[in-house]
Amino acid sequence: MTELTPLDCVLGFIRAVERGGGAAEIRPFLADDFRLTEWPHVLSVKGGIRDLQATLSGADQSKDVVKDQHFEIVRTTSEGNRVVLEINWSATLLLDLPHWDAGDTIRARTTAVFEVDNGRIRSQDSYDCYFTDPEQVTVEVPEVPAAG
Protein backbone atom coordinates (compact mmCIF):
# COMPACT_ATOMS: atom_id res chain seq x y z
CA MET A 1 0.00 0.00 0.00
CA THR A 2 1.35 3.43 -0.95
CA GLU A 3 1.49 6.08 1.78
CA LEU A 4 -0.29 9.31 0.94
CA THR A 5 1.83 12.37 0.27
CA PRO A 6 1.17 15.39 2.52
CA LEU A 7 -0.63 17.06 -0.41
CA ASP A 8 -2.84 14.00 -0.99
CA CYS A 9 -3.71 13.94 2.72
CA VAL A 10 -4.68 17.63 2.75
CA LEU A 11 -6.70 17.37 -0.46
CA GLY A 12 -8.52 14.33 0.94
CA PHE A 13 -9.40 16.35 4.03
CA ILE A 14 -10.64 19.29 1.93
CA ARG A 15 -12.83 17.01 -0.19
CA ALA A 16 -14.29 15.38 2.95
CA VAL A 17 -15.24 18.84 4.26
CA GLU A 18 -16.65 19.78 0.86
CA ARG A 19 -18.89 16.69 0.91
CA GLY A 20 -20.36 18.00 4.17
CA GLY A 21 -18.25 15.77 6.34
CA GLY A 22 -18.75 15.99 10.05
CA ALA A 23 -16.48 14.71 12.79
CA ALA A 24 -16.57 11.07 11.67
CA GLU A 25 -15.61 11.93 8.11
CA ILE A 26 -12.73 14.31 8.87
CA ARG A 27 -11.28 12.54 11.92
CA PRO A 28 -9.16 10.07 9.90
CA PHE A 29 -7.21 12.99 8.41
CA LEU A 30 -6.36 14.68 11.72
CA ALA A 31 -3.62 13.88 14.25
CA ASP A 32 -4.49 13.48 17.92
CA ASP A 33 -2.72 16.76 18.71
CA PHE A 34 -4.31 18.68 15.81
CA ARG A 35 -4.54 22.46 16.20
CA LEU A 36 -6.53 24.86 14.01
CA THR A 37 -5.53 28.53 14.12
CA GLU A 38 -8.07 30.83 12.55
CA TRP A 39 -6.56 34.25 11.97
CA PRO A 40 -8.83 37.30 12.43
CA HIS A 41 -11.43 38.04 9.75
CA VAL A 42 -14.85 39.66 9.43
CA LEU A 43 -16.69 36.78 11.17
CA SER A 44 -14.09 36.22 13.88
CA VAL A 45 -12.49 39.57 14.61
CA LYS A 46 -10.14 38.13 17.24
CA GLY A 47 -9.50 34.83 15.50
CA GLY A 48 -9.13 31.70 17.57
CA ILE A 49 -7.39 28.42 18.19
CA ARG A 50 -9.18 25.08 18.33
CA ASP A 51 -7.87 21.71 19.40
CA LEU A 52 -8.97 18.42 17.87
CA GLN A 53 -12.16 18.07 19.92
CA ALA A 54 -13.29 21.65 19.23
CA THR A 55 -12.55 21.18 15.53
CA LEU A 56 -14.56 17.95 15.35
CA SER A 57 -17.44 19.57 17.22
CA GLY A 58 -17.34 22.53 14.82
CA ALA A 59 -17.43 20.16 11.85
CA ASP A 60 -20.65 18.61 13.16
CA GLN A 61 -22.17 22.04 13.88
CA SER A 62 -21.28 23.39 10.43
CA LYS A 63 -24.14 21.33 8.97
CA ASP A 64 -26.50 23.80 10.69
CA VAL A 65 -24.66 26.84 9.28
CA VAL A 66 -23.79 26.09 5.63
CA LYS A 67 -24.54 23.64 2.85
CA ASP A 68 -23.13 23.04 -0.61
CA GLN A 69 -19.59 24.04 0.28
CA HIS A 70 -17.29 24.31 -2.71
CA PHE A 71 -13.51 24.57 -2.59
CA GLU A 72 -11.89 25.71 -5.83
CA ILE A 73 -8.20 24.98 -5.36
CA VAL A 74 -6.40 27.84 -7.11
CA ARG A 75 -2.81 26.90 -6.26
CA THR A 76 -0.96 24.37 -4.13
CA THR A 77 2.54 24.53 -2.76
CA SER A 78 4.25 21.69 -0.93
CA GLU A 79 7.61 21.55 0.76
CA GLY A 80 8.44 18.62 2.98
CA ASN A 81 5.52 18.15 5.37
CA ARG A 82 4.08 21.64 4.77
CA VAL A 83 1.23 22.18 2.32
CA VAL A 84 -0.18 25.57 1.36
CA LEU A 85 -3.49 25.89 -0.46
CA GLU A 86 -4.97 29.01 -2.03
CA ILE A 87 -8.71 28.48 -2.33
CA ASN A 88 -11.84 30.20 -3.58
CA TRP A 89 -14.52 28.97 -1.15
CA SER A 90 -18.28 29.33 -1.32
CA ALA A 91 -21.29 27.92 0.51
CA THR A 92 -25.00 28.55 0.96
CA LEU A 93 -25.91 29.97 4.36
CA LEU A 94 -28.59 28.23 6.43
CA LEU A 95 -28.91 31.07 8.93
CA ASP A 96 -28.40 34.83 9.14
CA LEU A 97 -24.88 36.11 9.80
CA PRO A 98 -23.46 39.63 9.85
CA HIS A 99 -23.33 40.81 6.21
CA TRP A 100 -25.43 37.88 4.88
CA ASP A 101 -28.91 36.38 5.18
CA ALA A 102 -29.98 32.74 5.20
CA GLY A 103 -30.01 31.48 1.61
CA ASP A 104 -27.22 33.80 0.47
CA THR A 105 -24.06 32.45 -1.07
CA ILE A 106 -21.09 33.38 1.07
CA ARG A 107 -17.68 33.62 -0.61
CA ALA A 108 -14.11 33.86 0.60
CA ARG A 109 -10.58 33.72 -0.70
CA THR A 110 -8.57 31.74 1.75
CA THR A 111 -5.04 30.54 2.22
CA ALA A 112 -4.48 27.59 4.50
CA VAL A 113 -1.13 26.29 5.72
CA PHE A 114 -1.05 22.67 6.85
CA GLU A 115 1.62 20.64 8.66
CA VAL A 116 1.33 16.90 8.03
CA ASP A 117 3.07 14.21 10.06
CA ASN A 118 2.83 10.44 9.49
CA GLY A 119 -0.10 10.82 7.10
CA ARG A 120 -2.19 13.03 9.38
CA ILE A 121 -2.67 16.79 9.62
CA ARG A 122 -1.11 18.19 12.81
CA SER A 123 -1.97 21.83 12.26
CA GLN A 124 -3.85 24.21 10.02
CA ASP A 125 -3.50 27.98 9.92
CA SER A 126 -6.34 29.64 7.99
CA TYR A 127 -6.32 33.14 6.58
CA ASP A 128 -9.86 33.87 5.35
CA CYS A 129 -10.85 36.97 3.36
CA TYR A 130 -14.63 37.16 3.03
CA PHE A 131 -16.34 39.10 0.26
CA THR A 132 -19.11 41.02 2.04
CA ASP A 133 -20.42 42.50 -1.22
CA PRO A 134 -22.53 39.72 -2.78
CA GLU A 135 -21.56 40.81 -6.29
CA GLN A 136 -17.81 40.70 -5.62
CA VAL A 137 -16.03 37.45 -6.45
CA THR A 138 -12.50 38.73 -6.95
CA VAL A 139 -10.27 41.69 -6.26
CA GLU A 140 -10.07 44.44 -8.85
CA VAL A 141 -6.45 45.00 -9.82
CA PRO A 142 -5.78 48.53 -11.08
CA GLU A 143 -3.66 48.93 -14.18
CA VAL A 144 -0.09 49.98 -13.52
CA PRO A 145 1.13 52.71 -15.87
CA ALA A 146 3.97 51.66 -18.13
CA ALA A 147 7.39 52.90 -17.10
CA GLY A 148 8.54 55.50 -19.33
C-alpha atoms as a PDB file:
ATOM      1  CA  MET A   1       0.000   0.000   0.000  1.00  0.00           C
ATOM      2  CA  THR A   2       1.352   3.429  -0.950  1.00  0.00           C
ATOM      3  CA  GLU A   3       1.489   6.080   1.778  1.00  0.00           C
ATOM      4  CA  LEU A   4      -0.287   9.311   0.945  1.00  0.00           C
ATOM      5  CA  THR A   5       1.827  12.366   0.273  1.00  0.00           C
ATOM      6  CA  PRO A   6       1.172  15.394   2.518  1.00  0.00           C
ATOM      7  CA  LEU A   7      -0.628  17.064  -0.409  1.00  0.00           C
ATOM      8  CA  ASP A   8      -2.839  13.998  -0.985  1.00  0.00           C
ATOM      9  CA  CYS A   9      -3.714  13.944   2.721  1.00  0.00           C
ATOM     10  CA  VAL A  10      -4.681  17.634   2.752  1.00  0.00           C
ATOM     11  CA  LEU A  11      -6.701  17.368  -0.457  1.00  0.00           C
ATOM     12  CA  GLY A  12      -8.524  14.331   0.943  1.00  0.00           C
ATOM     13  CA  PHE A  13      -9.400  16.353   4.034  1.00  0.00           C
ATOM     14  CA  ILE A  14     -10.644  19.286   1.927  1.00  0.00           C
ATOM     15  CA  ARG A  15     -12.833  17.011  -0.191  1.00  0.00           C
ATOM     16  CA  ALA A  16     -14.288  15.383   2.953  1.00  0.00           C
ATOM     17  CA  VAL A  17     -15.238  18.844   4.263  1.00  0.00           C
ATOM     18  CA  GLU A  18     -16.645  19.784   0.858  1.00  0.00           C
ATOM     19  CA  ARG A  19     -18.886  16.685   0.907  1.00  0.00           C
ATOM     20  CA  GLY A  20     -20.361  17.996   4.165  1.00  0.00           C
ATOM     21  CA  GLY A  21     -18.249  15.768   6.341  1.00  0.00           C
ATOM     22  CA  GLY A  22     -18.750  15.995  10.047  1.00  0.00           C
ATOM     23  CA  ALA A  23     -16.476  14.709  12.794  1.00  0.00           C
ATOM     24  CA  ALA A  24     -16.566  11.068  11.674  1.00  0.00           C
ATOM     25  CA  GLU A  25     -15.609  11.931   8.106  1.00  0.00           C
ATOM     26  CA  ILE A  26     -12.729  14.312   8.869  1.00  0.00           C
ATOM     27  CA  ARG A  27     -11.281  12.535  11.924  1.00  0.00           C
ATOM     28  CA  PRO A  28      -9.162  10.070   9.895  1.00  0.00           C
ATOM     29  CA  PHE A  29      -7.207  12.992   8.408  1.00  0.00           C
ATOM     30  CA  LEU A  30      -6.357  14.684  11.719  1.00  0.00           C
ATOM     31  CA  ALA A  31      -3.620  13.880  14.245  1.00  0.00           C
ATOM     32  CA  ASP A  32      -4.493  13.478  17.924  1.00  0.00           C
ATOM     33  CA  ASP A  33      -2.719  16.760  18.708  1.00  0.00           C
ATOM     34  CA  PHE A  34      -4.314  18.678  15.814  1.00  0.00           C
ATOM     35  CA  ARG A  35      -4.536  22.461  16.200  1.00  0.00           C
ATOM     36  CA  LEU A  36      -6.526  24.857  14.008  1.00  0.00           C
ATOM     37  CA  THR A  37      -5.526  28.526  14.119  1.00  0.00           C
ATOM     38  CA  GLU A  38      -8.067  30.827  12.548  1.00  0.00           C
ATOM     39  CA  TRP A  39      -6.555  34.252  11.974  1.00  0.00           C
ATOM     40  CA  PRO A  40      -8.834  37.301  12.428  1.00  0.00           C
ATOM     41  CA  HIS A  41     -11.433  38.040   9.751  1.00  0.00           C
ATOM     42  CA  VAL A  42     -14.852  39.659   9.427  1.00  0.00           C
ATOM     43  CA  LEU A  43     -16.692  36.781  11.166  1.00  0.00           C
ATOM     44  CA  SER A  44     -14.089  36.215  13.881  1.00  0.00           C
ATOM     45  CA  VAL A  45     -12.488  39.571  14.607  1.00  0.00           C
ATOM     46  CA  LYS A  46     -10.137  38.134  17.237  1.00  0.00           C
ATOM     47  CA  GLY A  47      -9.498  34.827  15.501  1.00  0.00           C
ATOM     48  CA  GLY A  48      -9.128  31.703  17.569  1.00  0.00           C
ATOM     49  CA  ILE A  49      -7.385  28.421  18.186  1.00  0.00           C
ATOM     50  CA  ARG A  50      -9.183  25.078  18.326  1.00  0.00           C
ATOM     51  CA  ASP A  51      -7.871  21.712  19.399  1.00  0.00           C
ATOM     52  CA  LEU A  52      -8.969  18.418  17.871  1.00  0.00           C
ATOM     53  CA  GLN A  53     -12.164  18.071  19.915  1.00  0.00           C
ATOM     54  CA  ALA A  54     -13.294  21.648  19.230  1.00  0.00           C
ATOM     55  CA  THR A  55     -12.547  21.183  15.529  1.00  0.00           C
ATOM     56  CA  LEU A  56     -14.558  17.952  15.355  1.00  0.00           C
ATOM     57  CA  SER A  57     -17.445  19.575  17.221  1.00  0.00           C
ATOM     58  CA  GLY A  58     -17.338  22.528  14.820  1.00  0.00           C
ATOM     59  CA  ALA A  59     -17.432  20.157  11.846  1.00  0.00           C
ATOM     60  CA  ASP A  60     -20.647  18.611  13.163  1.00  0.00           C
ATOM     61  CA  GLN A  61     -22.173  22.045  13.876  1.00  0.00           C
ATOM     62  CA  SER A  62     -21.277  23.388  10.431  1.00  0.00           C
ATOM     63  CA  LYS A  63     -24.136  21.334   8.968  1.00  0.00           C
ATOM     64  CA  ASP A  64     -26.499  23.796  10.689  1.00  0.00           C
ATOM     65  CA  VAL A  65     -24.664  26.844   9.281  1.00  0.00           C
ATOM     66  CA  VAL A  66     -23.786  26.089   5.634  1.00  0.00           C
ATOM     67  CA  LYS A  67     -24.543  23.643   2.846  1.00  0.00           C
ATOM     68  CA  ASP A  68     -23.126  23.037  -0.612  1.00  0.00           C
ATOM     69  CA  GLN A  69     -19.589  24.038   0.277  1.00  0.00           C
ATOM     70  CA  HIS A  70     -17.289  24.310  -2.709  1.00  0.00           C
ATOM     71  CA  PHE A  71     -13.509  24.570  -2.591  1.00  0.00           C
ATOM     72  CA  GLU A  72     -11.888  25.707  -5.830  1.00  0.00           C
ATOM     73  CA  ILE A  73      -8.203  24.984  -5.359  1.00  0.00           C
ATOM     74  CA  VAL A  74      -6.396  27.839  -7.111  1.00  0.00           C
ATOM     75  CA  ARG A  75      -2.812  26.900  -6.259  1.00  0.00           C
ATOM     76  CA  THR A  76      -0.957  24.368  -4.132  1.00  0.00           C
ATOM     77  CA  THR A  77       2.544  24.532  -2.763  1.00  0.00           C
ATOM     78  CA  SER A  78       4.252  21.692  -0.928  1.00  0.00           C
ATOM     79  CA  GLU A  79       7.615  21.550   0.764  1.00  0.00           C
ATOM     80  CA  GLY A  80       8.440  18.620   2.984  1.00  0.00           C
ATOM     81  CA  ASN A  81       5.517  18.149   5.373  1.00  0.00           C
ATOM     82  CA  ARG A  82       4.082  21.645   4.775  1.00  0.00           C
ATOM     83  CA  VAL A  83       1.230  22.180   2.318  1.00  0.00           C
ATOM     84  CA  VAL A  84      -0.184  25.571   1.358  1.00  0.00           C
ATOM     85  CA  LEU A  85      -3.492  25.890  -0.463  1.00  0.00           C
ATOM     86  CA  GLU A  86      -4.973  29.006  -2.034  1.00  0.00           C
ATOM     87  CA  ILE A  87      -8.714  28.482  -2.333  1.00  0.00           C
ATOM     88  CA  ASN A  88     -11.839  30.196  -3.582  1.00  0.00           C
ATOM     89  CA  TRP A  89     -14.521  28.974  -1.151  1.00  0.00           C
ATOM     90  CA  SER A  90     -18.279  29.326  -1.315  1.00  0.00           C
ATOM     91  CA  ALA A  91     -21.292  27.920   0.507  1.00  0.00           C
ATOM     92  CA  THR A  92     -24.995  28.548   0.958  1.00  0.00           C
ATOM     93  CA  LEU A  93     -25.913  29.966   4.360  1.00  0.00           C
ATOM     94  CA  LEU A  94     -28.591  28.234   6.428  1.00  0.00           C
ATOM     95  CA  LEU A  95     -28.910  31.072   8.932  1.00  0.00           C
ATOM     96  CA  ASP A  96     -28.403  34.826   9.140  1.00  0.00           C
ATOM     97  CA  LEU A  97     -24.884  36.107   9.802  1.00  0.00           C
ATOM     98  CA  PRO A  98     -23.465  39.627   9.852  1.00  0.00           C
ATOM     99  CA  HIS A  99     -23.331  40.805   6.209  1.00  0.00           C
ATOM    100  CA  TRP A 100     -25.434  37.877   4.885  1.00  0.00           C
ATOM    101  CA  ASP A 101     -28.907  36.383   5.179  1.00  0.00           C
ATOM    102  CA  ALA A 102     -29.978  32.744   5.201  1.00  0.00           C
ATOM    103  CA  GLY A 103     -30.010  31.477   1.610  1.00  0.00           C
ATOM    104  CA  ASP A 104     -27.216  33.803   0.472  1.00  0.00           C
ATOM    105  CA  THR A 105     -24.058  32.445  -1.073  1.00  0.00           C
ATOM    106  CA  ILE A 106     -21.085  33.376   1.071  1.00  0.00           C
ATOM    107  CA  ARG A 107     -17.676  33.616  -0.610  1.00  0.00           C
ATOM    108  CA  ALA A 108     -14.111  33.862   0.595  1.00  0.00           C
ATOM    109  CA  ARG A 109     -10.583  33.721  -0.703  1.00  0.00           C
ATOM    110  CA  THR A 110      -8.567  31.737   1.753  1.00  0.00           C
ATOM    111  CA  THR A 111      -5.040  30.540   2.215  1.00  0.00           C
ATOM    112  CA  ALA A 112      -4.483  27.588   4.499  1.00  0.00           C
ATOM    113  CA  VAL A 113      -1.134  26.291   5.716  1.00  0.00           C
ATOM    114  CA  PHE A 114      -1.053  22.669   6.850  1.00  0.00           C
ATOM    115  CA  GLU A 115       1.615  20.639   8.656  1.00  0.00           C
ATOM    116  CA  VAL A 116       1.330  16.899   8.028  1.00  0.00           C
ATOM    117  CA  ASP A 117       3.069  14.206  10.057  1.00  0.00           C
ATOM    118  CA  ASN A 118       2.834  10.438   9.490  1.00  0.00           C
ATOM    119  CA  GLY A 119      -0.096  10.815   7.098  1.00  0.00           C
ATOM    120  CA  ARG A 120      -2.190  13.032   9.382  1.00  0.00           C
ATOM    121  CA  ILE A 121      -2.666  16.787   9.620  1.00  0.00           C
ATOM    122  CA  ARG A 122      -1.108  18.191  12.814  1.00  0.00           C
ATOM    123  CA  SER A 123      -1.974  21.833  12.265  1.00  0.00           C
ATOM    124  CA  GLN A 124      -3.853  24.209  10.018  1.00  0.00           C
ATOM    125  CA  ASP A 125      -3.496  27.982   9.920  1.00  0.00           C
ATOM    126  CA  SER A 126      -6.341  29.636   7.988  1.00  0.00           C
ATOM    127  CA  TYR A 127      -6.323  33.145   6.577  1.00  0.00           C
ATOM    128  CA  ASP A 128      -9.857  33.869   5.353  1.00  0.00           C
ATOM    129  CA  CYS A 129     -10.846  36.971   3.363  1.00  0.00           C
ATOM    130  CA  TYR A 130     -14.634  37.161   3.035  1.00  0.00           C
ATOM    131  CA  PHE A 131     -16.336  39.102   0.260  1.00  0.00           C
ATOM    132  CA  THR A 132     -19.108  41.020   2.044  1.00  0.00           C
ATOM    133  CA  ASP A 133     -20.417  42.499  -1.225  1.00  0.00           C
ATOM    134  CA  PRO A 134     -22.535  39.720  -2.783  1.00  0.00           C
ATOM    135  CA  GLU A 135     -21.559  40.811  -6.291  1.00  0.00           C
ATOM    136  CA  GLN A 136     -17.811  40.696  -5.618  1.00  0.00           C
ATOM    137  CA  VAL A 137     -16.035  37.449  -6.453  1.00  0.00           C
ATOM    138  CA  THR A 138     -12.498  38.727  -6.945  1.00  0.00           C
ATOM    139  CA  VAL A 139     -10.271  41.693  -6.258  1.00  0.00           C
ATOM    140  CA  GLU A 140     -10.074  44.438  -8.850  1.00  0.00           C
ATOM    141  CA  VAL A 141      -6.448  45.004  -9.825  1.00  0.00           C
ATOM    142  CA  PRO A 142      -5.779  48.527 -11.082  1.00  0.00           C
ATOM    143  CA  GLU A 143      -3.665  48.933 -14.181  1.00  0.00           C
ATOM    144  CA  VAL A 144      -0.094  49.985 -13.522  1.00  0.00           C
ATOM    145  CA  PRO A 145       1.125  52.708 -15.873  1.00  0.00           C
ATOM    146  CA  ALA A 146       3.971  51.656 -18.129  1.00  0.00           C
ATOM    147  CA  ALA A 147       7.389  52.897 -17.096  1.00  0.00           C
ATOM    148  CA  GLY A 148       8.540  55.495 -19.335  1.00  0.00           C
END
